[in-house]
Protein backbone atom coordinates (compact mmCIF):
# COMPACT_ATOMS: atom_id res chain seq x y z
CA UNK A 1 18.95 122.35 101.04
CA UNK A 2 21.26 120.42 98.73
CA UNK A 3 22.93 117.33 100.13
CA UNK A 4 26.67 117.45 100.76
CA UNK A 5 26.93 113.77 99.77
CA UNK A 6 27.11 112.61 96.18
CA UNK A 7 26.50 108.98 95.22
CA UNK A 8 28.31 107.00 92.54
CA UNK A 9 25.88 104.23 91.61
CA UNK A 10 26.94 100.99 89.94
CA UNK A 11 23.70 100.74 88.01
CA UNK A 12 25.08 98.29 85.46
CA UNK A 13 25.04 95.70 88.24
CA UNK A 14 21.42 96.06 89.44
CA UNK A 15 21.33 92.66 91.17
CA UNK A 16 24.47 93.33 93.19
CA UNK A 17 23.95 94.79 96.64
CA UNK A 18 27.04 95.69 98.67
CA UNK A 19 30.44 97.37 98.52
CA UNK A 20 32.82 96.35 101.30
CA UNK A 21 36.33 96.98 99.99
CA UNK A 22 37.37 100.41 98.73
CA UNK A 23 40.89 101.76 98.27
CA UNK A 24 42.98 104.25 96.32
CA UNK A 25 45.54 102.90 93.88
CA UNK A 26 48.93 104.41 93.31
CA UNK A 27 47.52 105.78 90.06
CA UNK A 28 45.05 107.88 92.07
CA UNK A 29 41.96 105.96 90.95
CA UNK A 30 39.42 104.68 93.45
CA UNK A 31 38.99 100.90 93.34
CA UNK A 32 35.93 99.12 94.68
CA UNK A 33 34.81 95.53 95.11
CA UNK A 34 31.16 95.45 93.98
CA UNK A 35 29.59 92.43 95.61
CA UNK A 36 26.45 90.34 95.23
CA UNK A 37 25.76 88.32 98.34
CA UNK A 38 21.98 88.35 98.81
CA UNK A 39 21.06 86.64 95.53
CA UNK A 40 22.59 83.28 94.65
CA UNK A 41 24.85 82.83 91.65
CA UNK A 42 26.58 86.23 91.48
CA UNK A 43 30.25 87.12 91.14
CA UNK A 44 32.17 90.04 92.59
CA UNK A 45 33.37 92.75 90.19
CA UNK A 46 36.32 95.10 90.55
CA UNK A 47 35.27 98.59 89.50
CA UNK A 48 37.13 101.90 89.33
CA UNK A 49 36.19 105.55 89.65
CA UNK A 50 38.34 108.34 88.20
CA UNK A 51 38.10 111.48 90.41
CA UNK A 52 39.13 113.73 87.50
CA UNK A 53 36.83 112.45 84.76
CA UNK A 54 34.15 110.99 87.09
CA UNK A 55 34.21 107.90 84.87
CA UNK A 56 33.15 104.52 86.28
CA UNK A 57 34.61 101.37 84.76
CA UNK A 58 33.77 97.75 85.45
CA UNK A 59 37.24 96.29 85.15
CA UNK A 60 36.67 92.57 85.62
CA UNK A 61 34.32 89.91 86.90
CA UNK A 62 36.52 88.08 89.37
CA UNK A 63 35.06 84.60 89.90
CA UNK A 64 35.31 83.27 86.31
CA UNK A 65 38.95 84.42 86.18
CA UNK A 66 39.62 82.22 89.22
CA UNK A 67 38.10 79.17 87.58
CA UNK A 68 35.07 79.54 89.86
CA UNK A 69 32.11 80.37 87.57
CA UNK A 70 29.17 81.59 89.68
CA UNK A 71 26.77 79.07 88.13
CA UNK A 72 28.81 75.96 89.05
CA UNK A 73 26.47 74.97 91.91
CA UNK A 74 28.89 75.93 94.69
CA UNK A 75 28.74 78.86 97.06
CA UNK A 76 29.95 81.79 94.99
CA UNK A 77 33.00 84.03 95.04
CA UNK A 78 30.66 86.99 95.15
CA UNK A 79 32.49 89.15 97.64
CA UNK A 80 35.78 90.88 98.44
CA UNK A 81 35.52 91.69 102.11
CA UNK A 82 38.14 94.20 103.33
CA UNK A 83 40.70 92.38 101.18
CA UNK A 84 41.48 94.71 98.26
CA UNK A 85 44.86 96.30 98.99
CA UNK A 86 47.04 98.78 97.08
CA UNK A 87 50.74 98.07 96.57
CA UNK A 88 53.69 100.40 96.07
CA UNK A 89 54.14 98.68 92.70
CA UNK A 90 50.77 99.91 91.45
CA UNK A 91 49.18 96.47 91.70
CA UNK A 92 46.12 95.51 93.72
CA UNK A 93 46.35 92.50 96.03
CA UNK A 94 43.13 90.77 96.92
CA UNK A 95 41.31 87.75 98.28
CA UNK A 96 37.74 86.55 97.88
CA UNK A 97 35.19 85.84 100.58
CA UNK A 98 32.18 83.58 101.08
CA UNK A 99 28.55 84.42 101.92
CA UNK A 100 26.95 84.25 98.48
CA UNK A 101 24.58 81.35 97.96
CA UNK A 102 24.82 78.92 95.02
CA UNK A 103 22.73 79.71 91.98
CA UNK A 104 19.08 78.95 92.78
CA UNK A 105 19.56 78.73 96.55
CA UNK A 106 17.93 81.46 98.70
CA UNK A 107 20.51 81.28 101.51
CA UNK A 108 23.82 79.63 102.37
CA UNK A 109 25.91 79.19 105.50
CA UNK A 110 29.49 77.84 105.49
CA UNK A 111 29.12 75.51 108.48
CA UNK A 112 25.93 73.95 107.09
CA UNK A 113 27.63 73.14 103.79
CA UNK A 114 31.11 72.38 105.12
CA UNK A 115 31.05 68.75 103.92
CA UNK A 116 28.55 69.18 101.10
CA UNK A 117 30.44 68.14 97.94
CA UNK A 118 28.21 70.32 95.77
CA UNK A 119 27.36 73.46 97.75
CA UNK A 120 30.51 73.90 99.86
CA UNK A 121 32.69 76.95 99.21
CA UNK A 122 35.89 75.94 97.44
CA UNK A 123 38.00 78.25 99.59
CA UNK A 124 39.16 81.83 99.11
CA UNK A 125 41.56 82.68 96.31
CA UNK A 126 44.42 85.13 96.55
CA UNK A 127 44.84 87.22 93.42
CA UNK A 128 46.82 90.13 91.96
CA UNK A 129 45.10 92.63 89.69
CA UNK A 130 47.19 94.87 87.44
CA UNK A 131 45.25 98.06 86.52
CA UNK A 132 47.75 98.86 83.77
CA UNK A 133 47.25 95.63 81.83
CA UNK A 134 43.80 94.84 83.25
CA UNK A 135 44.90 91.30 83.93
CA UNK A 136 44.14 89.26 87.03
CA UNK A 137 46.58 86.61 88.27
CA UNK A 138 45.10 83.79 90.33
CA UNK A 139 47.44 82.72 93.14
CA UNK A 140 45.30 79.77 94.21
CA UNK A 141 43.30 78.84 97.29
CA UNK A 142 44.35 79.82 100.80
CA UNK A 143 42.15 77.86 103.21
CA UNK A 144 39.66 75.32 101.79
CA UNK A 145 35.96 75.95 102.58
CA UNK A 146 36.66 79.41 104.06
CA UNK A 147 36.59 83.05 103.05
CA UNK A 148 39.07 85.80 103.86
CA UNK A 149 37.41 88.35 106.16
CA UNK A 150 40.12 91.00 106.43
CA UNK A 151 43.67 91.41 105.15
CA UNK A 152 46.76 93.65 105.30
CA UNK A 153 49.90 93.94 103.17
CA UNK A 154 53.57 94.18 104.06
CA UNK A 155 54.89 95.48 100.72
CA UNK A 156 58.56 95.17 101.67
CA UNK A 157 58.54 91.55 102.81
CA UNK A 158 55.72 90.86 100.35
CA UNK A 159 53.50 89.23 102.92
CA UNK A 160 49.74 89.21 103.33
CA UNK A 161 48.27 88.97 106.84
CA UNK A 162 44.65 87.98 107.26
CA UNK A 163 41.82 86.31 109.15
CA UNK A 164 39.59 83.53 107.81
CA UNK A 165 35.85 83.04 108.13
CA UNK A 166 34.18 81.11 109.71
CA UNK A 167 37.00 79.38 111.65
CA UNK A 168 38.69 82.66 112.63
CA UNK A 169 42.24 81.53 111.87
CA UNK A 170 45.08 84.03 111.43
CA UNK A 171 47.24 83.49 108.36
CA UNK A 172 50.38 84.79 106.69
CA UNK A 173 50.82 84.36 102.95
CA UNK A 174 54.17 84.84 101.19
CA UNK A 175 53.69 86.38 97.76
CA UNK A 176 57.21 85.43 96.68
CA UNK A 177 57.10 81.83 97.89
CA UNK A 178 53.39 81.38 97.11
CA UNK A 179 53.18 79.75 100.54
CA UNK A 180 50.26 79.83 102.99
CA UNK A 181 50.92 79.69 106.75
CA UNK A 182 47.98 79.01 109.08
CA UNK A 183 48.91 80.37 112.53
CA UNK A 184 45.84 78.92 114.23
CA UNK A 185 42.55 79.99 115.65
CA UNK A 186 42.28 83.30 117.51
CA UNK A 187 38.63 83.13 118.65
CA UNK A 188 34.99 82.69 117.68
CA UNK A 189 34.09 86.25 116.63
CA UNK A 190 35.80 87.38 113.44
CA UNK A 191 37.56 90.72 113.68
CA UNK A 192 36.77 92.97 110.72
CA UNK A 193 40.24 94.48 110.36
CA UNK A 194 43.89 93.52 110.27
CA UNK A 195 46.34 96.43 110.11
CA UNK A 196 50.10 97.03 110.03
CA UNK A 197 52.23 99.66 111.77
CA UNK A 198 55.19 101.57 110.33
CA UNK A 199 57.47 98.58 110.98
CA UNK A 200 54.87 96.25 109.41
CA UNK A 201 54.00 94.40 112.55
CA UNK A 202 50.46 93.12 111.97
CA UNK A 203 47.60 93.53 114.48
CA UNK A 204 44.08 92.32 115.03
CA UNK A 205 41.99 91.41 118.11
CA UNK A 206 40.66 88.37 119.90
CA UNK A 207 37.04 87.86 120.99
CA UNK A 208 37.42 90.23 123.95
CA UNK A 209 39.13 93.05 122.11
CA UNK A 210 42.70 92.31 123.21
CA UNK A 211 45.22 93.19 120.55
CA UNK A 212 47.01 90.29 118.89
CA UNK A 213 50.32 91.07 117.20
CA UNK A 214 52.29 89.20 114.59
CA UNK A 215 55.78 90.65 114.63
CA UNK A 216 57.14 91.64 111.24
CA UNK A 217 58.74 88.79 109.38
CA UNK A 218 57.80 86.12 111.93
CA UNK A 219 55.14 83.44 112.09
CA UNK A 220 54.31 83.86 115.77
CA UNK A 221 51.30 85.50 117.39
CA UNK A 222 51.32 87.23 120.76
CA UNK A 223 48.37 88.53 122.77
CA UNK A 224 49.13 92.01 124.09
CA UNK A 225 47.89 93.29 127.43
CA UNK A 226 45.97 96.03 125.63
CA UNK A 227 42.19 95.91 125.26
CA UNK A 228 40.30 98.24 122.96
CA UNK A 229 37.64 100.23 124.87
CA UNK A 230 34.16 98.84 125.41
CA UNK A 231 30.95 100.08 126.98
CA UNK A 232 30.21 99.99 130.72
CA UNK A 233 28.80 96.83 132.30
CA UNK A 234 30.56 94.74 129.65
CA UNK A 235 33.79 92.76 129.62
CA UNK A 236 34.71 93.33 125.98
CA UNK A 237 33.10 90.24 124.47
CA UNK A 238 32.46 90.73 120.73
CA UNK A 239 34.17 94.13 120.82
CA UNK A 240 36.65 93.20 118.11
CA UNK A 241 38.20 95.52 115.53
CA UNK A 242 35.88 96.91 112.90
CA UNK A 243 37.77 99.75 111.24
CA UNK A 244 41.23 101.25 111.73
CA UNK A 245 42.73 104.35 110.11
CA UNK A 246 46.34 105.54 110.26
CA UNK A 247 47.11 109.09 111.40
CA UNK A 248 48.62 111.53 108.85
CA UNK A 249 52.06 111.18 110.48
CA UNK A 250 51.85 107.38 110.21
CA UNK A 251 52.62 106.85 113.89
CA UNK A 252 49.26 106.13 115.50
CA UNK A 253 45.98 104.45 114.64
CA UNK A 254 42.36 105.38 115.23
CA UNK A 255 39.78 102.64 115.48
CA UNK A 256 36.21 101.62 116.20
CA UNK A 257 34.84 98.34 117.50
CA UNK A 258 32.46 95.67 116.24
CA UNK A 259 30.06 95.05 119.08
CA UNK A 260 28.00 97.32 121.34
CA UNK A 261 28.28 100.90 122.54
CA UNK A 262 30.78 101.89 119.86
CA UNK A 263 33.73 103.96 120.98
CA UNK A 264 36.59 105.74 119.22
CA UNK A 265 40.14 105.17 120.40
CA UNK A 266 43.75 105.79 119.45
CA UNK A 267 46.44 103.10 119.51
CA UNK A 268 50.08 104.12 119.70
CA UNK A 269 52.35 101.10 119.16
CA UNK A 270 55.45 100.48 121.23
CA UNK A 271 58.35 102.54 119.95
CA UNK A 272 56.21 105.61 119.24
CA UNK A 273 57.67 108.63 121.05
CA UNK A 274 54.54 109.16 123.16
CA UNK A 275 53.63 105.52 123.81
CA UNK A 276 54.41 103.73 127.03
CA UNK A 277 55.11 100.11 127.86
CA UNK A 278 56.21 97.19 125.71
CA UNK A 279 52.86 96.89 123.96
CA UNK A 280 52.05 100.58 123.45
CA UNK A 281 49.14 102.71 124.64
CA UNK A 282 45.42 103.06 123.94
CA UNK A 283 43.50 106.30 124.47
CA UNK A 284 39.70 106.10 124.79
CA UNK A 285 37.81 109.04 123.22
CA UNK A 286 34.44 107.77 124.36
CA UNK A 287 31.30 107.00 122.40
CA UNK A 288 31.35 107.49 118.66
CA UNK A 289 28.51 109.97 119.09
CA UNK A 290 26.49 111.19 122.04
CA UNK A 291 26.97 111.71 125.73
CA UNK A 292 29.45 109.24 127.15
CA UNK A 293 27.54 109.33 130.44
CA UNK A 294 24.21 108.61 128.75
CA UNK A 295 22.06 105.51 129.07
CA UNK A 296 24.34 102.58 128.25
CA UNK A 297 21.30 100.36 127.65
CA UNK A 298 20.28 102.39 124.58
CA UNK A 299 22.66 100.36 122.45
CA UNK A 300 20.70 100.34 119.20
CA UNK A 301 21.48 104.03 118.73
CA UNK A 302 25.22 103.40 118.98
CA UNK A 303 25.58 100.12 117.14
CA UNK A 304 27.88 100.84 114.20
CA UNK A 305 31.00 102.79 113.35
CA UNK A 306 32.82 102.47 110.04
CA UNK A 307 34.32 104.36 107.14
CA UNK A 308 37.19 105.90 109.12
CA UNK A 309 39.36 108.22 107.05
CA UNK A 310 41.46 111.35 107.60
CA UNK A 311 40.71 114.43 105.53
CA UNK A 312 43.18 116.99 104.17
CA UNK A 313 42.09 119.20 107.06
CA UNK A 314 43.71 116.75 109.50
CA UNK A 315 40.34 115.76 110.96
CA UNK A 316 39.14 112.18 111.38
CA UNK A 317 35.87 111.36 109.62
CA UNK A 318 33.70 108.33 110.24
CA UNK A 319 30.13 107.12 109.84
CA UNK A 320 28.18 106.03 112.90
CA UNK A 321 24.67 105.38 114.15
CA UNK A 322 22.81 108.46 115.39
CA UNK A 323 19.32 108.39 116.91
CA UNK A 324 16.54 109.86 114.76
CA UNK A 325 12.75 109.74 115.11
CA UNK A 326 12.45 106.64 112.93
CA UNK A 327 15.40 104.90 114.57
CA UNK A 328 19.17 105.00 114.23
CA UNK A 329 20.53 106.42 110.98
CA UNK A 330 24.07 106.75 109.67
CA UNK A 331 25.59 110.20 110.00
CA UNK A 332 29.05 111.42 109.09
CA UNK A 333 31.02 112.65 112.11
CA UNK A 334 34.12 114.85 112.10
CA UNK A 335 36.47 114.43 115.06
CA UNK A 336 39.55 116.37 116.16
CA UNK A 337 42.21 113.65 116.60
CA UNK A 338 43.77 115.21 119.70
CA UNK A 339 40.87 116.72 121.64
CA UNK A 340 38.18 114.27 120.55
CA UNK A 341 35.80 117.17 119.83
CA UNK A 342 33.12 116.02 117.39
CA UNK A 343 30.84 117.62 114.84
CA UNK A 344 27.84 115.98 113.19
CA UNK A 345 28.10 116.64 109.43
CA UNK A 346 24.67 115.12 108.96
CA UNK A 347 22.68 112.22 107.60
CA UNK A 348 24.42 110.38 104.77
CA UNK A 349 21.92 110.84 101.96
CA UNK A 350 21.52 112.35 98.51
CA UNK A 351 18.11 113.67 99.50
CA UNK A 352 16.39 110.60 98.14
CA UNK A 353 18.16 107.49 99.43
CA UNK A 354 19.53 107.18 102.96
CA UNK A 355 22.63 105.17 103.72
CA UNK A 356 21.93 101.79 105.24
CA UNK A 357 25.47 100.78 106.22
CA UNK A 358 28.93 102.23 105.66
CA UNK A 359 31.77 99.72 105.53
CA UNK A 360 35.16 101.34 104.84
CA UNK A 361 36.50 104.55 103.29
CA UNK A 362 39.37 106.05 101.35
CA UNK A 363 40.45 109.44 99.92
CA UNK A 364 41.77 110.80 96.64
CA UNK A 365 44.47 113.34 95.79
CA UNK A 366 41.96 116.22 95.53
CA UNK A 367 40.54 116.34 99.06
CA UNK A 368 37.51 114.10 98.46
CA UNK A 369 36.50 111.28 100.80
CA UNK A 370 34.83 108.08 99.59
CA UNK A 371 32.60 105.77 101.63
CA UNK A 372 31.60 102.23 100.64
CA UNK A 373 27.85 101.68 100.99
CA UNK A 374 26.64 98.19 101.93
CA UNK A 375 22.96 98.76 102.56
CA UNK A 376 21.40 99.95 99.29
CA UNK A 377 20.57 98.36 95.93
CA UNK A 378 21.93 98.97 93.35
CA UNK A 379 25.36 99.25 95.02
CA UNK A 380 27.06 102.59 95.39
CA UNK A 381 29.71 104.67 97.10
CA UNK A 382 29.31 108.15 98.59
CA UNK A 383 31.61 111.13 97.99
CA UNK A 384 32.05 113.89 100.55
CA UNK A 385 34.36 116.87 100.27
CA UNK A 386 35.43 118.56 103.51
CA UNK A 387 35.30 122.34 103.46
CA UNK A 388 38.48 123.97 102.26
CA UNK A 389 40.44 124.83 99.12
CA UNK A 390 42.51 121.67 98.79
CA UNK A 391 45.20 121.58 96.15
CA UNK A 392 45.92 118.24 94.46
CA UNK A 393 48.51 116.41 96.54
CA UNK A 394 49.35 112.71 96.25
CA UNK A 395 49.10 111.15 99.70
CA UNK A 396 50.97 107.97 98.85
CA UNK A 397 52.00 105.95 100.80
CA UNK A 398 49.63 107.16 103.52
CA UNK A 399 46.82 105.36 101.78
CA UNK A 400 46.63 102.44 104.15
CA UNK A 401 47.91 98.97 103.33
CA UNK A 402 44.82 97.21 104.68
CA UNK A 403 41.14 96.81 103.90
């Protein structure tokens, strides 16, 4: 039986190994950060995929354009981690991340090299990439020694909201003023997502899964009395945000955690017609896959959920761990956003290679869904097309403004 998943392989970068950021530009092209974090001395590339021509282009090698050549002896700018964002102006806004070792080093950790004048990471750069001119503008370093783990865009106020790694500080960056605001530490466990609502309030979570909000246009954080769902016999520790997708009407958000016993939930911010209370409301849909009353100790079979994206059929799709004979494997799940009813589409594979890890996802104007693969070499993305005769229909601006 033929696989329903089709890979797009970045075989011109055979030493690279992960794709974390994926988004759809206003031009309808799919943009991907192709990363190299397991071999020292590599630089992240921005690549594109054209859904109509199926053409892959390697648009630019990022690090040298930032004045950070990957062979300079420092930890490399080899990664864009949930920080490649599409703007209404057709530009891509991004930031680099750290985990890549210096050239010749087998491994690197930011806290071990924090004060090392040679091997320390210089600090993440903000940048703007213009697909029309193929030029990258370096906006300079945000936080010295750190990477940017996740980021969101307010296109109207021209602000970037994000979280640093490893110190877990929340920041706001003004694109017009070229000014970086560090709002302080929010915990020990980095959340993997920052998102914005329809009013461009920004949200993430603390170490226990409580939502933290930065009100639009302000530089103040507030901890909401709303905790994303976690498994039984736990208090929420390490259950931070992993992935968040906006509903087709733009009013609510579906998410999955980054911890144990992954669950799917809906967040309706305050002001939504069906939300309640000053902070809003969270609805728990239960485990990402499997019986919600099953053995909560069997955590390894429910340890990951990512790649959340809505299809043209109005269904929510996501990848999650499903138990198989040889251990947990990543399957694509389709969920009804109101009833929570789920269907297992199947193992994410082309019949030869099996997915090792799905990070994030996006969609094109033709009904296709795209999933960033972070567990296979050479790096790749997967394409899945939900059943149906979908006519081309630009979904802008419902392509989300976050990584």
